[in-house]
Amino acid sequence: IEGMFVIRIHRFITSFEVSILPQKCYRCISAYSQSYKLCYNPCVNSKTGSEGETFRAVTPDGRVLDYRVGQDLNLAEVTRFFSDKYTVKQIWAEKRHVVGVLEASGREYFLKVSTSEGISEVTKNEYAWNEAFNEAVSRSSSDLWVPQNYDSGNYQENLFYIVTDKFEGEKLIRYPEETTEDNHGLFTQNIERVIDFSELIQSLDIKLNPPHLFEGKTYTERFLNQSRGWYNDLPEDVRGKYDLDELWQIVEKGTPRLNPKPCHGDFTPWHIIALPEGKLGLIDGEHAKSETVEGYDIGYLIQRVFTVMQNQDLAERIMDSLTKRGHGLEKIKVILAARAIGGFLDANLDIFSPDFTYPKLFKDWLLKA
């Protein structure tokens, strides 16, 4: 396929979904950007034959599924389905799930229904993560929590759902509405405990992730495949203009020195809730892994704080704390270099007017760190 340009009109909105397929692409998985509902297609690079796991879930039978784009579900039908067991107090559609608040025996629960088979795969992983974490970490002995599973099953045969306890509290940052510096107070107050949470996760001995879900035989191979995929999915002119090969060299040379550790996989302030009595709750463990490169969660957090929250001071504060705690700076820089490449890819999703200002600032900052 060369230069194909596809436009599809959504059923319930008037905006367009635009899909530009790169030259000589023979397998594409589409994903939405945050800003314009644009469809971007990370693809196999025809020159290297390599690809990352950027927006993919691989099923046990070998099918490659998109876990970013779902279908529209009829909320009235979903409500009827769950009304057999629960009182449905609220239900609404989010980007990739239908979510809601259920009640049973006087207690409220949180509902999360996948809207595609691909999203089902990562939601099953979230269920496994919740189980593994709560088996390893007792709530009676820790104030760092993840949701406890209450129920699970399939809606419409192949759309996996989970029902968990409902966290009552305030997110450390409400993304994307409150990423400006004026709204960083709650996160700032909890930075040290957020770092504690990342260290707790790395200390766990847990097993999850069926091998089919993430490609690569070893944890380093999976991390390199993912990072290489981000790099290859960027246009050559962007890679050249911002000298991204410099970042890739840090990743390629440094990854073999990283030890295997578990991770949450989407460790951001908007996935952490300040709960009553000083507890913290971490949600949305769809991309959790029992074995990836050490420091992935905290490196991901630093990159998000710098580029999404646009707060270099907080990023530096986290780095300073890690240094005082004895974390090796050179190892952290490997994660940051990979995440910097991913940040350029995030910016490139806006194909009409990509803004590489903060990805470039982050790249320059980490190289000087």
Protein backbone atom coordinates (compact mmCIF):
# COMPACT_ATOMS: atom_id res chain seq x y z
CA ILE A 1 0.00 0.00 0.00
CA GLU A 2 1.57 3.31 -0.96
CA GLY A 3 0.32 6.74 0.12
CA MET A 4 -3.16 5.54 0.96
CA PHE A 5 -5.36 8.17 2.59
CA VAL A 6 -8.51 6.94 4.33
CA ILE A 7 -11.28 9.06 5.82
CA ARG A 8 -14.08 7.55 7.89
CA ILE A 9 -16.95 9.41 9.50
CA HIS A 10 -17.82 8.32 13.02
CA ARG A 11 -21.37 7.21 13.61
CA PHE A 12 -22.16 9.54 16.46
CA ILE A 13 -19.81 12.49 16.00
CA THR A 14 -19.19 14.90 13.19
CA SER A 15 -15.40 14.94 13.43
CA PHE A 16 -13.28 12.94 11.03
CA GLU A 17 -10.95 10.08 11.74
CA VAL A 18 -8.00 10.41 9.41
CA SER A 19 -5.70 7.52 8.70
CA ILE A 20 -2.48 7.95 6.76
CA LEU A 21 -0.75 4.68 6.00
CA PRO A 22 3.02 4.94 5.54
CA GLN A 23 4.60 3.77 2.29
CA LYS A 24 5.02 0.02 1.82
CA CYS A 25 3.05 -0.69 4.96
CA TYR A 26 1.58 -4.18 5.03
CA ARG A 27 0.13 -4.34 8.52
CA CYS A 28 -1.22 -1.36 10.44
CA ILE A 29 -2.89 -0.94 13.79
CA SER A 30 -4.67 2.37 14.28
CA ALA A 31 -4.78 4.44 17.48
CA TYR A 32 -6.33 7.73 18.55
CA SER A 33 -4.34 10.74 19.59
CA GLN A 34 -5.48 12.64 22.66
CA SER A 35 -6.08 15.92 20.91
CA TYR A 36 -7.94 15.48 17.64
CA LYS A 37 -9.25 11.89 17.49
CA LEU A 38 -6.77 11.31 14.70
CA CYS A 39 -5.90 7.81 13.67
CA TYR A 40 -2.18 7.04 13.48
CA ASN A 41 -0.71 3.79 12.25
CA PRO A 42 2.54 2.47 13.69
CA CYS A 43 3.78 -0.03 11.15
CA VAL A 44 6.46 -2.53 10.32
CA ASN A 45 9.48 -0.67 8.98
CA SER A 46 10.12 -1.97 5.47
CA LYS A 47 13.86 -1.42 5.74
CA THR A 48 14.55 -3.15 9.05
CA GLY A 49 11.63 -5.52 9.35
CA SER A 50 11.32 -4.56 13.02
CA GLU A 51 8.29 -3.41 14.92
CA GLY A 52 7.28 -2.51 18.44
CA GLU A 53 4.28 -3.33 20.57
CA THR A 54 3.16 0.29 20.40
CA PHE A 55 -0.59 -0.21 20.09
CA ARG A 56 -0.98 -3.99 19.84
CA ALA A 57 -2.21 -6.98 21.74
CA VAL A 58 -1.46 -10.46 20.39
CA THR A 59 -3.98 -13.19 21.19
CA PRO A 60 -3.13 -16.85 21.95
CA ASP A 61 -4.16 -17.83 18.41
CA GLY A 62 -1.73 -15.30 16.91
CA ARG A 63 -4.17 -12.57 15.92
CA VAL A 64 -2.86 -9.01 16.22
CA LEU A 65 -5.47 -6.76 17.77
CA ASP A 66 -5.66 -3.01 18.30
CA TYR A 67 -6.08 -2.11 21.97
CA ARG A 68 -6.58 1.62 21.45
CA VAL A 69 -9.75 1.79 19.34
CA GLY A 70 -13.06 0.37 20.52
CA GLN A 71 -16.62 0.28 19.27
CA ASP A 72 -19.67 2.19 20.44
CA LEU A 73 -21.74 0.14 22.87
CA ASN A 74 -25.41 0.76 23.55
CA LEU A 75 -25.46 2.06 27.12
CA ALA A 76 -29.07 1.04 27.65
CA GLU A 77 -28.23 -2.54 26.69
CA VAL A 78 -25.17 -2.57 28.93
CA THR A 79 -27.33 -1.27 31.78
CA ARG A 80 -29.89 -4.05 31.26
CA PHE A 81 -27.13 -6.68 31.21
CA PHE A 82 -25.74 -5.69 34.59
CA SER A 83 -29.13 -4.95 36.16
CA ASP A 84 -29.64 -8.69 36.66
CA LYS A 85 -26.99 -8.69 39.43
CA TYR A 86 -26.56 -5.05 40.41
CA THR A 87 -28.26 -1.73 40.76
CA VAL A 88 -26.71 0.39 38.03
CA LYS A 89 -26.26 3.83 39.57
CA GLN A 90 -24.23 5.44 36.78
CA ILE A 91 -22.88 4.40 33.40
CA TRP A 92 -20.99 6.30 30.73
CA ALA A 93 -18.68 5.83 27.76
CA GLU A 94 -15.00 6.69 27.99
CA LYS A 95 -12.35 6.46 25.30
CA ARG A 96 -11.85 2.68 25.32
CA HIS A 97 -14.27 1.36 27.93
CA VAL A 98 -17.79 1.74 29.13
CA VAL A 99 -17.51 2.44 32.85
CA GLY A 100 -19.98 2.86 35.64
CA VAL A 101 -20.91 2.64 39.29
CA LEU A 102 -22.77 -0.46 40.46
CA GLU A 103 -24.33 -1.25 43.82
CA ALA A 104 -24.90 -4.57 45.54
CA SER A 105 -25.74 -5.28 49.18
CA GLY A 106 -25.38 -1.63 50.06
CA ARG A 107 -21.86 -1.34 48.65
CA GLU A 108 -20.71 0.54 45.54
CA TYR A 109 -18.39 -0.98 42.91
CA PHE A 110 -16.62 0.28 39.82
CA LEU A 111 -17.44 -1.28 36.42
CA LYS A 112 -15.12 -1.38 33.41
CA VAL A 113 -16.33 -2.97 30.15
CA SER A 114 -13.99 -3.43 27.18
CA THR A 115 -15.25 -2.20 23.82
CA SER A 116 -13.15 -4.42 21.53
CA GLU A 117 -11.33 -7.76 21.61
CA GLY A 118 -7.96 -6.02 21.71
CA ILE A 119 -9.01 -3.88 24.67
CA SER A 120 -10.30 -7.07 26.30
CA GLU A 121 -6.79 -8.52 26.22
CA VAL A 122 -5.24 -5.66 28.18
CA THR A 123 -8.24 -5.48 30.53
CA LYS A 124 -7.68 -9.15 31.38
CA ASN A 125 -4.12 -8.16 32.16
CA GLU A 126 -5.42 -5.46 34.50
CA TYR A 127 -7.55 -8.06 36.30
CA ALA A 128 -4.49 -10.31 36.70
CA TRP A 129 -2.44 -7.35 37.98
CA ASN A 130 -5.06 -6.48 40.60
CA GLU A 131 -5.11 -10.10 41.77
CA ALA A 132 -1.33 -10.43 41.91
CA PHE A 133 -0.73 -7.13 43.71
CA ASN A 134 -3.38 -7.70 46.35
CA GLU A 135 -2.12 -11.21 46.99
CA ALA A 136 1.39 -9.82 47.54
CA VAL A 137 0.47 -6.64 49.43
CA SER A 138 -2.05 -6.74 52.26
CA ARG A 139 -4.13 -3.62 52.76
CA SER A 140 -3.83 -4.10 56.51
CA SER A 141 -0.07 -3.59 56.31
CA SER A 142 0.24 -1.00 53.51
CA ASP A 143 -1.30 2.35 52.64
CA LEU A 144 -0.48 1.86 48.94
CA TRP A 145 -3.40 0.13 47.24
CA VAL A 146 -4.65 -1.07 43.87
CA PRO A 147 -8.30 -2.05 43.26
CA GLN A 148 -9.55 -5.40 44.51
CA ASN A 149 -11.44 -7.50 41.96
CA TYR A 150 -15.01 -8.38 42.82
CA ASP A 151 -16.43 -9.82 39.59
CA SER A 152 -15.50 -10.42 35.95
CA GLY A 153 -16.86 -11.98 32.79
CA ASN A 154 -17.76 -11.33 29.17
CA TYR A 155 -20.31 -8.97 27.71
CA GLN A 156 -21.51 -9.90 24.21
CA GLU A 157 -19.38 -13.06 24.35
CA ASN A 158 -15.96 -11.48 23.73
CA LEU A 159 -15.90 -8.13 25.55
CA PHE A 160 -14.24 -8.67 28.92
CA TYR A 161 -15.40 -6.70 31.95
CA ILE A 162 -14.20 -6.31 35.51
CA VAL A 163 -15.96 -5.10 38.64
CA THR A 164 -13.72 -3.77 41.41
CA ASP A 165 -14.07 -1.88 44.64
CA LYS A 166 -14.61 1.83 44.08
CA PHE A 167 -11.89 4.22 45.20
CA GLU A 168 -13.25 7.37 46.83
CA GLY A 169 -10.85 10.27 46.60
CA GLU A 170 -9.17 12.82 44.35
CA LYS A 171 -6.70 12.10 41.55
CA LEU A 172 -3.31 13.70 42.12
CA ILE A 173 -3.80 15.34 38.71
CA ARG A 174 -6.99 15.33 36.65
CA TYR A 175 -5.71 14.72 33.13
CA PRO A 176 -5.95 16.39 30.69
CA GLU A 177 -7.97 19.19 32.30
CA GLU A 178 -5.53 20.16 35.04
CA THR A 179 -1.99 19.67 33.80
CA THR A 180 -1.05 23.34 34.34
CA GLU A 181 1.33 24.18 37.18
CA ASP A 182 -1.40 25.82 39.28
CA ASN A 183 -3.00 22.40 39.80
CA HIS A 184 0.07 20.39 40.81
CA GLY A 185 -0.28 20.87 44.57
CA LEU A 186 -1.73 17.49 45.53
CA PHE A 187 0.85 15.65 43.45
CA THR A 188 3.67 17.80 44.83
CA GLN A 189 2.61 16.96 48.39
CA ASN A 190 2.76 13.23 47.62
CA ILE A 191 5.89 12.95 45.46
CA GLU A 192 7.91 10.96 47.97
CA ARG A 193 5.06 8.50 48.55
CA VAL A 194 4.57 8.14 44.81
CA ILE A 195 8.24 7.17 44.54
CA ASP A 196 7.64 4.75 47.45
CA PHE A 197 4.84 3.21 45.39
CA SER A 198 7.12 2.66 42.39
CA GLU A 199 9.72 1.04 44.65
CA LEU A 200 7.10 -1.20 46.25
CA ILE A 201 6.03 -2.43 42.81
CA GLN A 202 9.63 -3.22 41.89
CA SER A 203 10.05 -5.24 45.10
CA LEU A 204 7.18 -7.61 44.29
CA ASP A 205 7.55 -11.21 43.17
CA ILE A 206 4.48 -11.59 40.97
CA LYS A 207 3.51 -13.56 37.88
CA LEU A 208 1.22 -12.26 35.17
CA ASN A 209 1.26 -11.45 31.46
CA PRO A 210 0.63 -14.43 29.21
CA PRO A 211 3.60 -14.59 26.82
CA HIS A 212 1.41 -13.86 23.81
CA LEU A 213 0.48 -10.38 25.01
CA PHE A 214 3.86 -8.71 24.72
CA GLU A 215 6.31 -9.69 22.00
CA GLY A 216 9.87 -10.71 22.80
CA LYS A 217 11.43 -13.72 24.49
CA THR A 218 13.16 -11.77 27.27
CA TYR A 219 12.37 -8.60 29.19
CA THR A 220 15.23 -6.74 27.51
CA GLU A 221 14.12 -7.90 24.08
CA ARG A 222 10.57 -6.70 24.74
CA PHE A 223 11.81 -3.31 25.92
CA LEU A 224 14.13 -2.91 22.93
CA ASN A 225 11.39 -4.00 20.52
CA GLN A 226 9.03 -1.43 21.99
CA SER A 227 11.60 1.38 21.90
CA ARG A 228 12.74 0.45 18.39
CA GLY A 229 9.11 0.47 17.29
CA TRP A 230 8.66 4.02 18.57
CA TYR A 231 11.84 5.08 16.80
CA ASN A 232 10.94 3.44 13.49
CA ASP A 233 7.38 4.78 13.56
CA LEU A 234 8.66 8.35 13.47
CA PRO A 235 9.25 9.99 10.06
CA GLU A 236 12.88 10.07 8.97
CA ASP A 237 12.90 13.88 8.84
CA VAL A 238 11.82 14.08 12.49
CA ARG A 239 14.43 11.52 13.55
CA GLY A 240 17.10 13.46 11.69
CA LYS A 241 16.10 16.98 12.72
CA TYR A 242 16.10 16.13 16.43
CA ASP A 243 19.01 13.65 16.28
CA LEU A 244 16.97 10.86 17.84
CA ASP A 245 19.67 8.35 16.99
CA GLU A 246 21.53 9.77 19.99
CA LEU A 247 18.65 8.64 22.21
CA TRP A 248 18.42 5.25 20.53
CA GLN A 249 22.12 4.60 21.13
CA ILE A 250 21.61 5.20 24.87
CA VAL A 251 18.73 2.73 24.89
CA GLU A 252 20.48 0.07 22.82
CA LYS A 253 23.75 0.19 24.77
CA GLY A 254 22.24 0.62 28.22
CA THR A 255 19.37 -1.89 28.21
CA PRO A 256 21.55 -5.01 28.76
CA ARG A 257 22.66 -3.51 32.11
CA LEU A 258 19.10 -3.25 33.44
CA ASN A 259 17.75 -5.89 35.82
CA PRO A 260 14.27 -7.44 35.52
CA LYS A 261 11.56 -5.89 37.69
CA PRO A 262 7.73 -5.70 37.68
CA CYS A 263 5.99 -2.51 36.56
CA HIS A 264 2.54 -0.94 36.46
CA GLY A 265 3.19 0.31 32.93
CA ASP A 266 1.14 3.54 33.04
CA PHE A 267 2.46 5.13 36.22
CA THR A 268 1.20 8.72 36.10
CA PRO A 269 -0.31 11.18 38.62
CA TRP A 270 -3.70 10.94 36.90
CA HIS A 271 -3.80 7.22 37.68
CA ILE A 272 -3.09 7.76 41.38
CA ILE A 273 -5.88 8.71 43.79
CA ALA A 274 -5.47 10.31 47.21
CA LEU A 275 -7.69 8.14 49.40
CA PRO A 276 -8.95 8.81 52.93
CA GLU A 277 -6.57 8.37 55.88
CA GLY A 278 -3.50 9.18 53.81
CA LYS A 279 -3.66 6.17 51.52
CA LEU A 280 -2.86 6.19 47.79
CA GLY A 281 -4.73 4.14 45.18
CA LEU A 282 -3.19 3.22 41.82
CA ILE A 283 -5.66 2.37 39.04
CA ASP A 284 -5.60 1.25 35.38
CA GLY A 285 -3.01 -1.54 35.43
CA GLU A 286 -3.73 -2.68 31.87
CA HIS A 287 -0.06 -2.54 30.87
CA ALA A 288 1.41 -4.07 34.01
CA LYS A 289 4.20 -6.60 33.54
CA SER A 290 5.75 -9.04 35.95
CA GLU A 291 9.11 -8.61 34.27
CA THR A 292 10.44 -5.57 32.45
CA VAL A 293 13.48 -3.32 32.79
CA GLU A 294 14.08 -1.81 36.22
CA GLY A 295 13.03 1.78 36.71
CA TYR A 296 10.43 1.78 33.93
CA ASP A 297 7.58 3.19 36.04
CA ILE A 298 9.55 6.02 37.60
CA GLY A 299 11.17 6.91 34.26
CA TYR A 300 7.74 7.00 32.64
CA LEU A 301 6.51 9.25 35.47
CA ILE A 302 9.40 11.69 35.05
CA GLN A 303 8.82 11.97 31.30
CA ARG A 304 5.09 12.58 31.78
CA VAL A 305 5.68 15.19 34.48
CA PHE A 306 8.14 17.04 32.22
CA THR A 307 6.32 16.87 28.87
CA VAL A 308 2.60 16.52 29.71
CA MET A 309 2.48 18.50 32.95
CA GLN A 310 5.25 20.71 31.52
CA ASN A 311 6.92 20.95 34.91
CA GLN A 312 10.69 20.63 34.72
CA ASP A 313 11.12 21.58 38.39
CA LEU A 314 9.03 18.63 39.57
CA ALA A 315 10.87 16.27 37.20
CA GLU A 316 14.18 17.44 38.67
CA ARG A 317 12.83 17.02 42.19
CA ILE A 318 11.98 13.39 41.45
CA MET A 319 15.43 12.82 39.95
CA ASP A 320 17.09 14.37 43.03
CA SER A 321 15.06 12.11 45.32
CA LEU A 322 16.02 9.04 43.32
CA THR A 323 19.69 9.96 43.55
CA LYS A 324 19.42 10.36 47.34
CA ARG A 325 17.73 6.96 47.55
CA GLY A 326 20.67 5.35 45.76
CA HIS A 327 19.17 4.82 42.31
CA GLY A 328 21.79 4.77 39.56
CA LEU A 329 21.44 7.83 37.33
CA GLU A 330 22.89 6.08 34.28
CA LYS A 331 20.27 3.33 34.49
CA ILE A 332 17.45 5.85 34.85
CA LYS A 333 18.73 7.70 31.77
CA VAL A 334 18.21 4.55 29.66
CA ILE A 335 14.51 4.59 30.55
CA LEU A 336 14.29 8.34 30.02
CA ALA A 337 15.91 8.05 26.59
CA ALA A 338 13.34 5.43 25.55
CA ARG A 339 10.50 7.53 26.91
CA ALA A 340 11.90 10.60 25.12
CA ILE A 341 11.59 8.73 21.82
CA GLY A 342 8.03 7.80 22.80
CA GLY A 343 7.35 11.45 23.56
CA PHE A 344 8.31 12.47 20.04
CA LEU A 345 5.96 9.79 18.72
CA ASP A 346 3.15 11.12 20.93
CA ALA A 347 3.68 14.61 19.52
CA ASN A 348 3.76 13.26 15.97
CA LEU A 349 0.26 11.81 16.41
CA ASP A 350 -1.06 15.28 15.73
CA ILE A 351 -0.40 15.05 12.01
CA PHE A 352 -1.81 18.52 11.25
CA SER A 353 0.42 20.52 13.60
CA PRO A 354 2.81 18.37 15.65
CA ASP A 355 4.49 20.32 18.44
CA PHE A 356 7.89 18.95 19.43
CA THR A 357 8.73 21.77 21.86
CA TYR A 358 8.54 19.78 25.07
CA PRO A 359 9.87 16.51 23.63
CA LYS A 360 12.95 18.45 22.50
CA LEU A 361 13.31 20.21 25.86
CA PHE A 362 13.06 16.85 27.61
CA LYS A 363 15.67 15.29 25.30
CA ASP A 364 18.10 18.15 25.90
CA TRP A 365 17.50 18.01 29.65
CA LEU A 366 18.10 14.29 30.05
CA LEU A 367 21.28 14.40 27.98
CA LYS A 368 22.66 17.00 30.42
CA ALA A 369 21.48 15.16 33.54
